Amino acid sequence: MSVIDPVTNTVTGSPIAVGSVPQGVAVNPASDYVFVANTGSDTVSVINANTNTVTATIAVGDGPVGVAVDPLTGKVYVSNRSAGTVSVLSG
């Protein structure tokens, strides 16, 4: 995963290593965490947006593709395509 400077439209810093086949990305503006659904590794990578480092890798259901954050509750919802389930995480 890469960070893009919205002013210059260029990649800044080094790529951030996440799980296999990253698909969906969501940001919790209340906590400055970024959540990446990794379809190939059945995980969600949690990235601290202030340091651009992965702070956790969480196992979820089979084939996660989408991720959404409720900033009011901090809950993170991950749709697991292959499993036909939704994982709910604290964010």
PDB file of N, CA and C in Angstrom:
ATOM      1  N   MET A   1       0.843  -1.152   0.000  1.00  0.00           N
ATOM      2  CA  MET A   1       0.000   0.000   0.000  1.00  0.00           C
ATOM      3  C   MET A   1       0.899   1.229   0.000  1.00  0.00           C
ATOM      4  N   SER A   2       0.485   2.264  -0.728  1.00  0.00           N
ATOM      5  CA  SER A   2       1.277   3.485  -0.808  1.00  0.00           C
ATOM      6  C   SER A   2       0.471   4.680  -0.319  1.00  0.00           C
ATOM      7  N   VAL A   3       1.175   5.693   0.156  1.00  0.00           N
ATOM      8  CA  VAL A   3       0.552   6.943   0.578  1.00  0.00           C
ATOM      9  C   VAL A   3       0.756   7.955  -0.539  1.00  0.00           C
ATOM     10  N   ILE A   4      -0.337   8.624  -0.932  1.00  0.00           N
ATOM     11  CA  ILE A   4      -0.291   9.602  -2.011  1.00  0.00           C
ATOM     12  C   ILE A   4      -0.475  11.004  -1.434  1.00  0.00           C
ATOM     13  N   ASP A   5       0.379  11.936  -1.837  1.00  0.00           N
ATOM     14  CA  ASP A   5       0.222  13.338  -1.465  1.00  0.00           C
ATOM     15  C   ASP A   5      -0.865  13.924  -2.362  1.00  0.00           C
ATOM     16  N   PRO A   6      -1.994  14.379  -1.787  1.00  0.00           N
ATOM     17  CA  PRO A   6      -3.099  14.859  -2.616  1.00  0.00           C
ATOM     18  C   PRO A   6      -2.804  16.173  -3.344  1.00  0.00           C
ATOM     19  N   VAL A   7      -1.806  16.904  -2.907  1.00  0.00           N
ATOM     20  CA  VAL A   7      -1.459  18.166  -3.556  1.00  0.00           C
ATOM     21  C   VAL A   7      -0.633  17.917  -4.817  1.00  0.00           C
ATOM     22  N   THR A   8       0.343  17.002  -4.717  1.00  0.00           N
ATOM     23  CA  THR A   8       1.242  16.748  -5.850  1.00  0.00           C
ATOM     24  C   THR A   8       0.893  15.484  -6.632  1.00  0.00           C
ATOM     25  N   ASN A   9      -0.033  14.680  -6.076  1.00  0.00           N
ATOM     26  CA  ASN A   9      -0.406  13.399  -6.699  1.00  0.00           C
ATOM     27  C   ASN A   9       0.798  12.483  -6.896  1.00  0.00           C
ATOM     28  N   THR A  10       1.700  12.500  -5.932  1.00  0.00           N
ATOM     29  CA  THR A  10       2.872  11.634  -5.990  1.00  0.00           C
ATOM     30  C   THR A  10       2.919  10.745  -4.752  1.00  0.00           C
ATOM     31  N   VAL A  11       3.579   9.606  -4.911  1.00  0.00           N
ATOM     32  CA  VAL A  11       3.762   8.682  -3.792  1.00  0.00           C
ATOM     33  C   VAL A  11       4.764   9.293  -2.825  1.00  0.00           C
ATOM     34  N   THR A  12       4.435   9.239  -1.522  1.00  0.00           N
ATOM     35  CA  THR A  12       5.353   9.743  -0.504  1.00  0.00           C
ATOM     36  C   THR A  12       5.835   8.581   0.350  1.00  0.00           C
ATOM     37  N   GLY A  13       7.101   8.581   0.693  1.00  0.00           N
ATOM     38  CA  GLY A  13       7.645   7.544   1.557  1.00  0.00           C
ATOM     39  C   GLY A  13       7.698   6.187   0.892  1.00  0.00           C
ATOM     40  N   SER A  14       7.981   5.192   1.713  1.00  0.00           N
ATOM     41  CA  SER A  14       8.080   3.810   1.252  1.00  0.00           C
ATOM     42  C   SER A  14       6.710   3.152   1.276  1.00  0.00           C
ATOM     43  N   PRO A  15       6.489   2.146   0.423  1.00  0.00           N
ATOM     44  CA  PRO A  15       5.228   1.404   0.487  1.00  0.00           C
ATOM     45  C   PRO A  15       5.048   0.754   1.861  1.00  0.00           C
ATOM     46  N   ILE A  16       3.804   0.615   2.270  1.00  0.00           N
ATOM     47  CA  ILE A  16       3.465  -0.020   3.544  1.00  0.00           C
ATOM     48  C   ILE A  16       3.096  -1.467   3.247  1.00  0.00           C
ATOM     49  N   ALA A  17       3.806  -2.404   3.849  1.00  0.00           N
ATOM     50  CA  ALA A  17       3.551  -3.829   3.620  1.00  0.00           C
ATOM     51  C   ALA A  17       2.306  -4.255   4.388  1.00  0.00           C
ATOM     52  N   VAL A  18       1.311  -4.742   3.651  1.00  0.00           N
ATOM     53  CA  VAL A  18       0.091  -5.282   4.257  1.00  0.00           C
ATOM     54  C   VAL A  18      -0.044  -6.734   3.825  1.00  0.00           C
ATOM     55  N   GLY A  19      -1.198  -7.337   4.075  1.00  0.00           N
ATOM     56  CA  GLY A  19      -1.408  -8.734   3.722  1.00  0.00           C
ATOM     57  C   GLY A  19      -1.500  -8.956   2.220  1.00  0.00           C
ATOM     58  N   SER A  20      -1.755 -10.196   1.857  1.00  0.00           N
ATOM     59  CA  SER A  20      -1.817 -10.612   0.464  1.00  0.00           C
ATOM     60  C   SER A  20      -3.119 -10.163  -0.201  1.00  0.00           C
ATOM     61  N   VAL A  21      -3.017  -9.637  -1.395  1.00  0.00           N
ATOM     62  CA  VAL A  21      -4.131  -9.189  -2.233  1.00  0.00           C
ATOM     63  C   VAL A  21      -5.021  -8.174  -1.490  1.00  0.00           C
ATOM     64  N   PRO A  22      -4.479  -7.005  -1.163  1.00  0.00           N
ATOM     65  CA  PRO A  22      -5.301  -5.991  -0.504  1.00  0.00           C
ATOM     66  C   PRO A  22      -6.418  -5.517  -1.426  1.00  0.00           C
ATOM     67  N   GLN A  23      -7.630  -5.372  -0.874  1.00  0.00           N
ATOM     68  CA  GLN A  23      -8.797  -5.001  -1.674  1.00  0.00           C
ATOM     69  C   GLN A  23      -9.430  -3.705  -1.190  1.00  0.00           C
ATOM     70  N   GLY A  24     -10.115  -3.772  -0.045  1.00  0.00           N
ATOM     71  CA  GLY A  24     -10.844  -2.615   0.458  1.00  0.00           C
ATOM     72  C   GLY A  24     -10.041  -1.832   1.473  1.00  0.00           C
ATOM     73  N   VAL A  25     -10.286  -0.516   1.504  1.00  0.00           N
ATOM     74  CA  VAL A  25      -9.608   0.370   2.451  1.00  0.00           C
ATOM     75  C   VAL A  25     -10.642   1.301   3.067  1.00  0.00           C
ATOM     76  N   ALA A  26     -10.530   1.509   4.382  1.00  0.00           N
ATOM     77  CA  ALA A  26     -11.397   2.471   5.072  1.00  0.00           C
ATOM     78  C   ALA A  26     -10.580   3.196   6.128  1.00  0.00           C
ATOM     79  N   VAL A  27     -10.972   4.442   6.394  1.00  0.00           N
ATOM     80  CA  VAL A  27     -10.277   5.274   7.372  1.00  0.00           C
ATOM     81  C   VAL A  27     -11.236   5.637   8.489  1.00  0.00           C
ATOM     82  N   ASN A  28     -10.748   5.551   9.730  1.00  0.00           N
ATOM     83  CA  ASN A  28     -11.510   6.048  10.872  1.00  0.00           C
ATOM     84  C   ASN A  28     -10.945   7.428  11.203  1.00  0.00           C
ATOM     85  N   PRO A  29     -11.648   8.502  10.809  1.00  0.00           N
ATOM     86  CA  PRO A  29     -11.116   9.843  11.045  1.00  0.00           C
ATOM     87  C   PRO A  29     -11.027  10.203  12.527  1.00  0.00           C
ATOM     88  N   ALA A  30     -11.788   9.516  13.362  1.00  0.00           N
ATOM     89  CA  ALA A  30     -11.761   9.797  14.799  1.00  0.00           C
ATOM     90  C   ALA A  30     -10.493   9.267  15.458  1.00  0.00           C
ATOM     91  N   SER A  31      -9.909   8.213  14.888  1.00  0.00           N
ATOM     92  CA  SER A  31      -8.729   7.601  15.511  1.00  0.00           C
ATOM     93  C   SER A  31      -7.477   7.660  14.635  1.00  0.00           C
ATOM     94  N   ASP A  32      -7.620   8.114  13.389  1.00  0.00           N
ATOM     95  CA  ASP A  32      -6.503   8.148  12.438  1.00  0.00           C
ATOM     96  C   ASP A  32      -5.937   6.765  12.148  1.00  0.00           C
ATOM     97  N   TYR A  33      -6.803   5.754  12.150  1.00  0.00           N
ATOM     98  CA  TYR A  33      -6.386   4.418  11.749  1.00  0.00           C
ATOM     99  C   TYR A  33      -6.974   4.097  10.386  1.00  0.00           C
ATOM    100  N   VAL A  34      -6.206   3.362   9.593  1.00  0.00           N
ATOM    101  CA  VAL A  34      -6.616   2.910   8.272  1.00  0.00           C
ATOM    102  C   VAL A  34      -6.734   1.395   8.335  1.00  0.00           C
ATOM    103  N   PHE A  35      -7.803   0.854   7.751  1.00  0.00           N
ATOM    104  CA  PHE A  35      -8.061  -0.583   7.770  1.00  0.00           C
ATOM    105  C   PHE A  35      -8.042  -1.097   6.334  1.00  0.00           C
ATOM    106  N   VAL A  36      -7.260  -2.152   6.095  1.00  0.00           N
ATOM    107  CA  VAL A  36      -7.112  -2.717   4.757  1.00  0.00           C
ATOM    108  C   VAL A  36      -7.556  -4.173   4.782  1.00  0.00           C
ATOM    109  N   ALA A  37      -8.548  -4.517   3.956  1.00  0.00           N
ATOM    110  CA  ALA A  37      -9.009  -5.901   3.828  1.00  0.00           C
ATOM    111  C   ALA A  37      -8.080  -6.630   2.862  1.00  0.00           C
ATOM    112  N   ASN A  38      -7.462  -7.708   3.336  1.00  0.00           N
ATOM    113  CA  ASN A  38      -6.507  -8.490   2.543  1.00  0.00           C
ATOM    114  C   ASN A  38      -7.143  -9.819   2.137  1.00  0.00           C
ATOM    115  N   THR A  39      -7.638  -9.875   0.904  1.00  0.00           N
ATOM    116  CA  THR A  39      -8.365 -11.053   0.432  1.00  0.00           C
ATOM    117  C   THR A  39      -7.515 -12.317   0.447  1.00  0.00           C
ATOM    118  N   GLY A  40      -6.274 -12.221   0.031  1.00  0.00           N
ATOM    119  CA  GLY A  40      -5.421 -13.398  -0.088  1.00  0.00           C
ATOM    120  C   GLY A  40      -4.971 -13.999   1.226  1.00  0.00           C
ATOM    121  N   SER A  41      -4.960 -13.206   2.289  1.00  0.00           N
ATOM    122  CA  SER A  41      -4.500 -13.724   3.585  1.00  0.00           C
ATOM    123  C   SER A  41      -5.606 -13.776   4.634  1.00  0.00           C
ATOM    124  N   ASP A  42      -6.843 -13.422   4.236  1.00  0.00           N
ATOM    125  CA  ASP A  42      -7.996 -13.469   5.151  1.00  0.00           C
ATOM    126  C   ASP A  42      -7.743 -12.666   6.421  1.00  0.00           C
ATOM    127  N   THR A  43      -7.174 -11.477   6.234  1.00  0.00           N
ATOM    128  CA  THR A  43      -6.849 -10.615   7.368  1.00  0.00           C
ATOM    129  C   THR A  43      -7.233  -9.171   7.078  1.00  0.00           C
ATOM    130  N   VAL A  44      -7.202  -8.369   8.139  1.00  0.00           N
ATOM    131  CA  VAL A  44      -7.304  -6.917   8.021  1.00  0.00           C
ATOM    132  C   VAL A  44      -6.038  -6.331   8.631  1.00  0.00           C
ATOM    133  N   SER A  45      -5.370  -5.471   7.882  1.00  0.00           N
ATOM    134  CA  SER A  45      -4.206  -4.755   8.400  1.00  0.00           C
ATOM    135  C   SER A  45      -4.682  -3.435   8.985  1.00  0.00           C
ATOM    136  N   VAL A  46      -4.182  -3.109  10.175  1.00  0.00           N
ATOM    137  CA  VAL A  46      -4.509  -1.849  10.836  1.00  0.00           C
ATOM    138  C   VAL A  46      -3.274  -0.961  10.748  1.00  0.00           C
ATOM    139  N   ILE A  47      -3.436   0.210  10.136  1.00  0.00           N
ATOM    140  CA  ILE A  47      -2.315   1.125   9.920  1.00  0.00           C
ATOM    141  C   ILE A  47      -2.544   2.408  10.705  1.00  0.00           C
ATOM    142  N   ASN A  48      -1.524   2.836  11.433  1.00  0.00           N
ATOM    143  CA  ASN A  48      -1.553   4.133  12.103  1.00  0.00           C
ATOM    144  C   ASN A  48      -1.242   5.179  11.037  1.00  0.00           C
ATOM    145  N   ALA A  49      -2.210   6.040  10.732  1.00  0.00           N
ATOM    146  CA  ALA A  49      -2.039   7.018   9.659  1.00  0.00           C
ATOM    147  C   ALA A  49      -1.024   8.102  10.002  1.00  0.00           C
ATOM    148  N   ASN A  50      -0.723   8.278  11.264  1.00  0.00           N
ATOM    149  CA  ASN A  50       0.263   9.289  11.658  1.00  0.00           C
ATOM    150  C   ASN A  50       1.695   8.816  11.458  1.00  0.00           C
ATOM    151  N   THR A  51       1.906   7.499  11.587  1.00  0.00           N
ATOM    152  CA  THR A  51       3.257   6.946  11.456  1.00  0.00           C
ATOM    153  C   THR A  51       3.431   6.075  10.214  1.00  0.00           C
ATOM    154  N   ASN A  52       2.305   5.774   9.528  1.00  0.00           N
ATOM    155  CA  ASN A  52       2.317   4.899   8.347  1.00  0.00           C
ATOM    156  C   ASN A  52       2.929   3.540   8.642  1.00  0.00           C
ATOM    157  N   THR A  53       2.603   3.002   9.819  1.00  0.00           N
ATOM    158  CA  THR A  53       3.077   1.676  10.194  1.00  0.00           C
ATOM    159  C   THR A  53       1.892   0.773  10.507  1.00  0.00           C
ATOM    160  N   VAL A  54       2.059  -0.511  10.216  1.00  0.00           N
ATOM    161  CA  VAL A  54       1.035  -1.500  10.558  1.00  0.00           C
ATOM    162  C   VAL A  54       1.144  -1.782  12.049  1.00  0.00           C
ATOM    163  N   THR A  55       0.041  -1.571  12.763  1.00  0.00           N
ATOM    164  CA  THR A  55       0.042  -1.783  14.212  1.00  0.00           C
ATOM    165  C   THR A  55      -0.584  -3.113  14.599  1.00  0.00           C
ATOM    166  N   ALA A  56      -1.357  -3.707  13.682  1.00  0.00           N
ATOM    167  CA  ALA A  56      -1.984  -5.001  13.967  1.00  0.00           C
ATOM    168  C   ALA A  56      -2.395  -5.660  12.663  1.00  0.00           C
ATOM    169  N   THR A  57      -2.450  -6.986  12.698  1.00  0.00           N
ATOM    170  CA  THR A  57      -3.009  -7.783  11.610  1.00  0.00           C
ATOM    171  C   THR A  57      -4.019  -8.716  12.255  1.00  0.00           C
ATOM    172  N   ILE A  58      -5.278  -8.600  11.821  1.00  0.00           N
ATOM    173  CA  ILE A  58      -6.376  -9.311  12.471  1.00  0.00           C
ATOM    174  C   ILE A  58      -6.968 -10.336  11.510  1.00  0.00           C
ATOM    175  N   ALA A  59      -7.078 -11.582  11.955  1.00  0.00           N
ATOM    176  CA  ALA A  59      -7.711 -12.629  11.148  1.00  0.00           C
ATOM    177  C   ALA A  59      -9.216 -12.390  11.116  1.00  0.00           C
ATOM    178  N   VAL A  60      -9.788 -12.493   9.917  1.00  0.00           N
ATOM    179  CA  VAL A  60     -11.237 -12.354   9.737  1.00  0.00           C
ATOM    180  C   VAL A  60     -11.727 -13.544   8.927  1.00  0.00           C
ATOM    181  N   GLY A  61     -12.927 -13.463   8.375  1.00  0.00           N
ATOM    182  CA  GLY A  61     -13.482 -14.569   7.601  1.00  0.00           C
ATOM    183  C   GLY A  61     -12.779 -14.762   6.263  1.00  0.00           C
ATOM    184  N   ASP A  62     -13.212 -15.763   5.529  1.00  0.00           N
ATOM    185  CA  ASP A  62     -12.609 -16.145   4.258  1.00  0.00           C
ATOM    186  C   ASP A  62     -12.941 -15.132   3.163  1.00  0.00           C
ATOM    187  N   GLY A  63     -11.912 -14.556   2.561  1.00  0.00           N
ATOM    188  CA  GLY A  63     -12.083 -13.671   1.416  1.00  0.00           C
ATOM    189  C   GLY A  63     -12.581 -12.277   1.722  1.00  0.00           C
ATOM    190  N   PRO A  64     -11.973 -11.558   2.667  1.00  0.00           N
ATOM    191  CA  PRO A  64     -12.433 -10.194   2.935  1.00  0.00           C
ATOM    192  C   PRO A  64     -12.174  -9.280   1.734  1.00  0.00           C
ATOM    193  N   VAL A  65     -13.184  -8.515   1.354  1.00  0.00           N
ATOM    194  CA  VAL A  65     -13.032  -7.617   0.206  1.00  0.00           C
ATOM    195  C   VAL A  65     -13.387  -6.171   0.532  1.00  0.00           C
ATOM    196  N   GLY A  66     -14.368  -5.969   1.378  1.00  0.00           N
ATOM    197  CA  GLY A  66     -14.806  -4.614   1.690  1.00  0.00           C
ATOM    198  C   GLY A  66     -14.652  -4.322   3.158  1.00  0.00           C
ATOM    199  N   VAL A  67     -14.441  -3.045   3.467  1.00  0.00           N
ATOM    200  CA  VAL A  67     -14.309  -2.643   4.863  1.00  0.00           C
ATOM    201  C   VAL A  67     -14.927  -1.257   5.015  1.00  0.00           C
ATOM    202  N   ALA A  68     -15.649  -1.066   6.119  1.00  0.00           N
ATOM    203  CA  ALA A  68     -16.279   0.222   6.411  1.00  0.00           C
ATOM    204  C   ALA A  68     -16.139   0.505   7.897  1.00  0.00           C
ATOM    205  N   VAL A  69     -16.058   1.791   8.232  1.00  0.00           N
ATOM    206  CA  VAL A  69     -15.894   2.212   9.621  1.00  0.00           C
ATOM    207  C   VAL A  69     -17.068   3.092  10.016  1.00  0.00           C
ATOM    208  N   ASP A  70     -17.624   2.836  11.202  1.00  0.00           N
ATOM    209  CA  ASP A  70     -18.607   3.737  11.795  1.00  0.00           C
ATOM    210  C   ASP A  70     -17.835   4.640  12.755  1.00  0.00           C
ATOM    211  N   PRO A  71     -17.591   5.906  12.395  1.00  0.00           N
ATOM    212  CA  PRO A  71     -16.767   6.765  13.241  1.00  0.00           C
ATOM    213  C   PRO A  71     -17.414   7.102  14.583  1.00  0.00           C
ATOM    214  N   LEU A  72     -18.721   6.956  14.685  1.00  0.00           N
ATOM    215  CA  LEU A  72     -19.395   7.244  15.956  1.00  0.00           C
ATOM    216  C   LEU A  72     -19.173   6.143  16.982  1.00  0.00           C
ATOM    217  N   THR A  73     -19.173   4.893  16.523  1.00  0.00           N
ATOM    218  CA  THR A  73     -18.997   3.766  17.448  1.00  0.00           C
ATOM    219  C   THR A  73     -17.579   3.209  17.419  1.00  0.00           C
ATOM    220  N   GLY A  74     -16.838   3.507  16.346  1.00  0.00           N
ATOM    221  CA  GLY A  74     -15.495   2.960  16.194  1.00  0.00           C
ATOM    222  C   GLY A  74     -15.487   1.543  15.666  1.00  0.00           C
ATOM    223  N   LYS A  75     -16.650   0.982  15.381  1.00  0.00           N
ATOM    224  CA  LYS A  75     -16.705  -0.391  14.873  1.00  0.00           C
ATOM    225  C   LYS A  75     -16.283  -0.428  13.405  1.00  0.00           C
ATOM    226  N   VAL A  76     -15.610  -1.524  13.056  1.00  0.00           N
ATOM    227  CA  VAL A  76     -15.143  -1.748  11.696  1.00  0.00           C
ATOM    228  C   VAL A  76     -15.873  -2.974  11.164  1.00  0.00           C
ATOM    229  N   TYR A  77     -16.493  -2.839  10.003  1.00  0.00           N
ATOM    230  CA  TYR A  77     -17.263  -3.925   9.395  1.00  0.00           C
ATOM    231  C   TYR A  77     -16.516  -4.422   8.163  1.00  0.00           C
ATOM    232  N   VAL A  78     -16.276  -5.731   8.120  1.00  0.00           N
ATOM    233  CA  VAL A  78     -15.514  -6.340   7.031  1.00  0.00           C
ATOM    234  C   VAL A  78     -16.395  -7.373   6.343  1.00  0.00           C
ATOM    235  N   SER A  79     -16.625  -7.196   5.041  1.00  0.00           N
ATOM    236  CA  SER A  79     -17.408  -8.186   4.296  1.00  0.00           C
ATOM    237  C   SER A  79     -16.471  -9.273   3.785  1.00  0.00           C
ATOM    238  N   ASN A  80     -16.824 -10.511   4.117  1.00  0.00           N
ATOM    239  CA  ASN A  80     -16.026 -11.676   3.733  1.00  0.00           C
ATOM    240  C   ASN A  80     -16.754 -12.407   2.606  1.00  0.00           C
ATOM    241  N   ARG A  81     -16.336 -12.128   1.382  1.00  0.00           N
ATOM    242  CA  ARG A  81     -17.035 -12.633   0.200  1.00  0.00           C
ATOM    243  C   ARG A  81     -17.113 -14.153   0.165  1.00  0.00           C
ATOM    244  N   SER A  82     -16.014 -14.838   0.340  1.00  0.00           N
ATOM    245  CA  SER A  82     -16.010 -16.296   0.222  1.00  0.00           C
ATOM    246  C   SER A  82     -16.786 -16.975   1.335  1.00  0.00           C
ATOM    247  N   ALA A  83     -16.748 -16.390   2.536  1.00  0.00           N
ATOM    248  CA  ALA A  83     -17.447 -16.980   3.686  1.00  0.00           C
ATOM    249  C   ALA A  83     -18.914 -16.581   3.730  1.00  0.00           C
ATOM    250  N   GLY A  84     -19.276 -15.493   3.044  1.00  0.00           N
ATOM    251  CA  GLY A  84     -20.652 -15.002   3.110  1.00  0.00           C
ATOM    252  C   GLY A  84     -20.983 -14.432   4.482  1.00  0.00           C
ATOM    253  N   THR A  85     -19.986 -13.828   5.135  1.00  0.00           N
ATOM    254  CA  THR A  85     -20.174 -13.297   6.482  1.00  0.00           C
ATOM    255  C   THR A  85     -19.656 -11.861   6.565  1.00  0.00           C
ATOM    256  N   VAL A  86     -19.962 -11.231   7.695  1.00  0.00           N
ATOM    257  CA  VAL A  86     -19.413  -9.917   8.018  1.00  0.00           C
ATOM    258  C   VAL A  86     -18.727 -10.024   9.374  1.00  0.00           C
ATOM    259  N   SER A  87     -17.473  -9.615   9.439  1.00  0.00           N
ATOM    260  CA  SER A  87     -16.740  -9.569  10.707  1.00  0.00           C
ATOM    261  C   SER A  87     -16.870  -8.163  11.275  1.00  0.00           C
ATOM    262  N   VAL A  88     -17.071  -8.061  12.588  1.00  0.00           N
ATOM    263  CA  VAL A  88     -17.175  -6.765  13.253  1.00  0.00           C
ATOM    264  C   VAL A  88     -16.007  -6.643  14.223  1.00  0.00           C
ATOM    265  N   LEU A  89     -15.224  -5.579  14.040  1.00  0.00           N
ATOM    266  CA  LEU A  89     -14.034  -5.349  14.851  1.00  0.00           C
ATOM    267  C   LEU A  89     -14.182  -4.046  15.628  1.00  0.00           C
ATOM    268  N   SER A  90     -13.470  -3.936  16.723  1.00  0.00           N
ATOM    269  CA  SER A  90     -13.385  -2.655  17.429  1.00  0.00           C
ATOM    270  C   SER A  90     -12.310  -1.836  16.743  1.00  0.00           C
ATOM    271  N   GLY A  91     -12.612  -0.570  16.457  1.00  0.00           N
ATOM    272  CA  GLY A  91     -11.644   0.228  15.722  1.00  0.00           C
ATOM    273  C   GLY A  91     -11.197   1.411  16.473  1.00  0.00           C
TER     274      GLY A  91
END
